[in-house]
Amino acid sequence: MILDAARAAISRLFSPEFRSVFIKTLGLTLLALVALWFGLTSLVEWLALPWLETLIPGLPSWAGWLGGIIAAIALAFGMALLIAPATAIVAGLFLDDVAEVVERTDYPRDPPGRAMPALRSLVLAIKFFGVVIAGNIVALLLLLVPGINIAAFFIVNGYLLGREFFEFAAMRFRPEAEARALRRKYAGTVFLAGLLIAAFLAVPLLNLVTPLFAAALMVHLHKAISAREGLSTIQSSRKPRPSSSSGSTMNSARPE
């Protein structure tokens, strides 16, 4: 089920249908990184160099030039670490676009899910940004612990990313509480899918499309789980009606 969902997601990743979302995500990410670069370099020049001249009177000109080079290298390293989080927060604004493409092209007979409100999308993007930052900080700290360093990166990111993206895909069709219950019931499957997302995140350049791949992957996985459970992905995005059929559909997603 997971491998089928991954193959389907990868096949769509660089398709013409995804191209506009990819270009928007990459373009806004690069603009954000460029703006951040100029902002940080200006801040360093404004704060660091005068501080050095005050600390070390008579500082030769070449020392300031050398300090600028060191600061630029440090900033470049920092920017490399920020590529994935910056992409995450930008791509988070377009996750519904990705889901709509997958649903329209791969599930044309099913009605599309319900797009989240703009504010909710922004909250999800910020939350995903925080998840990536927190997960990588924890993983970076655990890199100092022999034997679990690389595994820590995949475990932390696999759990967090799998959880967030599956709930995103599920909430397009069902209430938040039901989406979380479905995720808990299939926690192992969602975690394994999250490991695939973490693998994308670990590869340079591929990490730029990680949110797009993750959204597509979890749309397919949610569809497969819903089919296995006999759940509807058509009516559950609406409020349940008093009829018994609707009530059984809603309740079947909750773990026993």
Protein backbone atom coordinates (compact mmCIF):
# COMPACT_ATOMS: atom_id res chain seq x y z
CA MET A 1 0.00 0.00 0.00
CA ILE A 2 2.78 2.43 0.95
CA LEU A 3 4.97 1.54 -2.02
CA ASP A 4 2.03 1.89 -4.40
CA ALA A 5 1.25 5.31 -2.93
CA ALA A 6 4.92 6.34 -3.20
CA ARG A 7 5.16 5.25 -6.83
CA ALA A 8 1.99 7.13 -7.68
CA ALA A 9 3.26 10.26 -5.90
CA ILE A 10 6.65 10.18 -7.61
CA SER A 11 5.06 9.65 -11.02
CA ARG A 12 3.11 12.89 -10.56
CA LEU A 13 5.90 14.88 -8.93
CA PHE A 14 7.42 16.24 -12.14
CA SER A 15 4.35 15.95 -14.33
CA PRO A 16 2.94 18.96 -16.21
CA GLU A 17 0.05 19.11 -13.75
CA PHE A 18 2.49 19.70 -10.87
CA ARG A 19 4.71 22.11 -12.78
CA SER A 20 2.92 25.31 -11.83
CA VAL A 21 2.88 24.40 -8.12
CA PHE A 22 6.55 23.43 -8.26
CA ILE A 23 7.55 26.67 -9.98
CA LYS A 24 5.57 28.76 -7.49
CA THR A 25 7.09 26.91 -4.54
CA LEU A 26 10.66 27.05 -5.83
CA GLY A 27 10.39 30.69 -6.93
CA LEU A 28 8.99 31.92 -3.62
CA THR A 29 11.52 29.83 -1.67
CA LEU A 30 14.45 31.32 -3.59
CA LEU A 31 13.07 34.83 -3.11
CA ALA A 32 12.70 34.20 0.61
CA LEU A 33 16.26 32.85 0.87
CA VAL A 34 17.71 35.78 -1.10
CA ALA A 35 15.85 38.27 1.10
CA LEU A 36 17.04 36.43 4.20
CA TRP A 37 20.63 36.44 2.90
CA PHE A 38 20.69 40.19 2.34
CA GLY A 39 18.98 40.80 5.66
CA LEU A 40 21.47 38.71 7.61
CA THR A 41 24.53 40.12 5.84
CA SER A 42 23.33 43.66 6.52
CA LEU A 43 22.75 42.75 10.15
CA VAL A 44 26.25 41.29 10.47
CA GLU A 45 27.84 44.37 8.91
CA TRP A 46 25.80 46.65 11.18
CA LEU A 47 26.45 44.78 14.44
CA ALA A 48 29.50 42.56 14.22
CA LEU A 49 32.11 44.77 12.54
CA PRO A 50 31.62 47.85 14.75
CA TRP A 51 31.70 45.56 17.78
CA LEU A 52 35.05 44.11 16.67
CA GLU A 53 36.50 47.56 16.07
CA THR A 54 35.41 48.60 19.57
CA LEU A 55 36.77 45.43 21.14
CA ILE A 56 40.10 45.59 19.27
CA PRO A 57 41.16 49.21 18.70
CA GLY A 58 43.33 49.80 15.65
CA LEU A 59 42.01 46.71 13.89
CA PRO A 60 43.74 46.48 10.48
CA SER A 61 41.59 46.67 7.37
CA TRP A 62 42.46 43.16 6.28
CA ALA A 63 41.05 41.80 9.55
CA GLY A 64 37.68 43.30 8.77
CA TRP A 65 37.85 41.84 5.27
CA LEU A 66 38.75 38.41 6.68
CA GLY A 67 35.96 38.64 9.20
CA GLY A 68 33.54 39.41 6.39
CA ILE A 69 34.62 36.27 4.52
CA ILE A 70 34.24 34.11 7.63
CA ALA A 71 30.80 35.59 8.29
CA ALA A 72 29.78 34.94 4.67
CA ILE A 73 30.86 31.29 4.95
CA ALA A 74 28.96 30.89 8.20
CA LEU A 75 25.88 32.49 6.65
CA ALA A 76 26.12 30.24 3.59
CA PHE A 77 26.24 27.19 5.87
CA GLY A 78 23.28 28.48 7.82
CA MET A 79 21.34 29.15 4.62
CA ALA A 80 21.97 25.57 3.48
CA LEU A 81 20.38 24.34 6.70
CA LEU A 82 17.42 26.67 6.15
CA ILE A 83 16.61 25.47 2.62
CA ALA A 84 14.35 22.64 3.77
CA PRO A 85 12.48 24.66 6.43
CA ALA A 86 12.04 27.61 4.05
CA THR A 87 10.69 25.29 1.38
CA ALA A 88 8.40 23.72 3.97
CA ILE A 89 6.72 26.95 4.98
CA VAL A 90 6.32 28.14 1.38
CA ALA A 91 5.08 24.81 0.05
CA GLY A 92 2.67 24.55 2.96
CA LEU A 93 0.68 27.34 1.33
CA PHE A 94 0.17 25.20 -1.80
CA LEU A 95 -0.58 21.78 -0.31
CA ASP A 96 -4.25 22.00 -1.27
CA ASP A 97 -3.20 22.68 -4.87
CA VAL A 98 -1.14 19.47 -4.82
CA ALA A 99 -4.00 17.47 -3.31
CA GLU A 100 -6.46 18.82 -5.87
CA VAL A 101 -4.18 17.80 -8.75
CA VAL A 102 -3.78 14.26 -7.38
CA GLU A 103 -7.50 13.88 -6.74
CA ARG A 104 -8.46 15.25 -10.15
CA THR A 105 -5.96 13.20 -12.18
CA ASP A 106 -5.82 9.90 -10.26
CA TYR A 107 -9.33 9.78 -8.79
CA PRO A 108 -11.46 11.53 -11.42
CA ARG A 109 -14.67 9.71 -10.40
CA ASP A 110 -14.43 10.80 -6.78
CA PRO A 111 -15.59 14.27 -5.76
CA PRO A 112 -12.61 16.39 -4.66
CA GLY A 113 -11.86 17.08 -1.05
CA ARG A 114 -12.60 20.31 0.73
CA ALA A 115 -9.79 22.86 0.60
CA MET A 116 -8.79 24.30 3.93
CA PRO A 117 -9.46 28.00 4.61
CA ALA A 118 -6.53 30.34 3.93
CA LEU A 119 -5.91 30.93 7.64
CA ARG A 120 -5.88 27.20 8.35
CA SER A 121 -3.42 26.66 5.48
CA LEU A 122 -1.15 29.33 6.93
CA VAL A 123 -1.33 27.73 10.38
CA LEU A 124 -0.48 24.33 8.86
CA ALA A 125 2.45 25.84 6.95
CA ILE A 126 3.82 27.45 10.12
CA LYS A 127 3.23 24.24 12.06
CA PHE A 128 5.05 22.21 9.42
CA PHE A 129 7.90 24.74 9.52
CA GLY A 130 8.11 24.29 13.28
CA VAL A 131 8.02 20.50 12.94
CA VAL A 132 10.93 20.52 10.50
CA ILE A 133 12.97 22.92 12.65
CA ALA A 134 12.28 21.05 15.91
CA GLY A 135 12.84 17.64 14.35
CA ASN A 136 16.16 18.62 12.84
CA ILE A 137 17.36 20.32 16.03
CA VAL A 138 16.62 17.15 17.99
CA ALA A 139 18.24 15.00 15.33
CA LEU A 140 21.27 17.33 15.23
CA LEU A 141 21.71 17.02 18.99
CA LEU A 142 21.40 13.26 18.76
CA LEU A 143 24.14 13.21 16.11
CA LEU A 144 26.52 13.55 19.04
CA VAL A 145 25.30 10.24 20.47
CA PRO A 146 27.09 7.30 18.80
CA GLY A 147 24.95 4.55 17.34
CA ILE A 148 21.67 6.44 17.04
CA ASN A 149 22.63 9.59 15.13
CA ILE A 150 21.39 8.77 11.62
CA ALA A 151 18.53 6.66 12.91
CA ALA A 152 17.40 9.56 15.09
CA PHE A 153 17.00 11.82 12.07
CA PHE A 154 14.72 9.35 10.30
CA ILE A 155 12.72 8.35 13.37
CA VAL A 156 12.03 11.92 14.51
CA ASN A 157 11.22 13.27 11.07
CA GLY A 158 9.38 10.11 10.00
CA TYR A 159 6.98 10.35 12.91
CA LEU A 160 6.39 14.11 12.78
CA LEU A 161 6.12 14.45 9.00
CA GLY A 162 3.99 11.34 8.61
CA ARG A 163 1.56 12.57 11.26
CA GLU A 164 1.18 16.09 9.90
CA PHE A 165 0.80 15.19 6.24
CA PHE A 166 -1.58 12.28 6.77
CA GLU A 167 -3.87 14.43 8.90
CA PHE A 168 -3.74 17.13 6.23
CA ALA A 169 -4.87 14.66 3.54
CA ALA A 170 -7.54 13.14 5.78
CA MET A 171 -8.98 16.48 6.89
CA ARG A 172 -9.86 17.32 3.30
CA PHE A 173 -12.58 14.66 3.61
CA ARG A 174 -13.40 14.28 7.29
CA PRO A 175 -13.46 16.25 10.55
CA GLU A 176 -10.20 16.81 12.41
CA ALA A 177 -11.04 14.45 15.28
CA GLU A 178 -11.91 11.65 12.85
CA ALA A 179 -8.75 12.26 10.83
CA ARG A 180 -6.64 11.95 13.97
CA ALA A 181 -8.44 8.77 15.02
CA LEU A 182 -7.79 7.24 11.60
CA ARG A 183 -4.14 8.22 11.81
CA ARG A 184 -3.79 6.62 15.25
CA LYS A 185 -5.42 3.41 14.04
CA TYR A 186 -2.89 3.16 11.20
CA ALA A 187 0.00 4.68 13.14
CA GLY A 188 2.52 2.10 11.91
CA THR A 189 1.59 2.56 8.26
CA VAL A 190 1.66 6.34 8.58
CA PHE A 191 5.06 6.19 10.29
CA LEU A 192 6.56 4.03 7.52
CA ALA A 193 5.24 6.48 4.95
CA GLY A 194 6.79 9.26 7.03
CA LEU A 195 10.16 7.52 6.75
CA LEU A 196 9.93 7.83 2.97
CA ILE A 197 9.27 11.56 3.40
CA ALA A 198 12.27 11.81 5.73
CA ALA A 199 14.40 10.09 3.09
CA PHE A 200 13.43 12.79 0.58
CA LEU A 201 14.22 15.44 3.18
CA ALA A 202 17.72 14.01 3.68
CA VAL A 203 18.74 14.30 0.01
CA PRO A 204 19.98 17.70 -1.21
CA LEU A 205 17.84 19.23 -3.99
CA LEU A 206 15.19 16.56 -3.44
CA ASN A 207 14.42 18.27 -0.14
CA LEU A 208 13.07 21.18 -2.20
CA VAL A 209 10.16 19.04 -3.36
CA THR A 210 9.68 17.12 -0.11
CA PRO A 211 6.41 18.88 0.88
CA LEU A 212 4.94 18.29 -2.59
CA PHE A 213 5.90 14.62 -2.53
CA ALA A 214 4.60 14.25 1.02
CA ALA A 215 1.23 15.78 0.22
CA ALA A 216 0.77 13.60 -2.88
CA LEU A 217 1.93 10.48 -1.02
CA MET A 218 -0.51 10.98 1.82
CA VAL A 219 -3.44 11.72 -0.48
CA HIS A 220 -2.87 8.31 -2.09
CA LEU A 221 -2.35 6.63 1.28
CA HIS A 222 -5.51 8.14 2.74
CA LYS A 223 -7.50 6.97 -0.29
CA ALA A 224 -6.10 3.44 0.10
CA ILE A 225 -6.81 3.31 3.84
CA SER A 226 -10.31 4.67 3.33
CA ALA A 227 -10.99 1.98 0.72
CA ARG A 228 -9.68 -0.72 3.07
CA GLU A 229 -11.84 0.54 5.93
CA GLY A 230 -14.87 0.92 3.70
CA LEU A 231 -14.97 4.62 4.54
CA SER A 232 -16.45 7.19 2.22
CA THR A 233 -14.23 9.98 0.91
CA ILE A 234 -17.27 11.59 -0.64
CA GLN A 235 -19.71 12.43 2.13
CA SER A 236 -17.47 12.56 5.21
CA SER A 237 -16.27 16.07 4.48
CA ARG A 238 -19.80 17.22 5.22
CA LYS A 239 -21.63 17.18 8.53
CA PRO A 240 -23.15 13.75 9.20
CA ARG A 241 -26.84 13.39 8.65
CA PRO A 242 -29.18 11.60 11.04
CA SER A 243 -29.40 8.61 8.70
CA SER A 244 -27.83 5.38 9.90
CA SER A 245 -25.58 4.98 6.84
CA SER A 246 -23.89 8.31 7.41
CA GLY A 247 -23.50 7.66 11.10
CA SER A 248 -21.85 4.28 10.53
CA THR A 249 -19.42 5.79 8.05
CA MET A 250 -18.33 8.45 10.51
CA ASN A 251 -18.01 6.11 13.45
CA SER A 252 -16.09 3.40 11.59
CA ALA A 253 -13.00 5.62 11.41
CA ARG A 254 -12.61 5.64 15.17
CA PRO A 255 -10.51 2.95 16.77
CA GLU A 256 -12.34 0.43 18.83
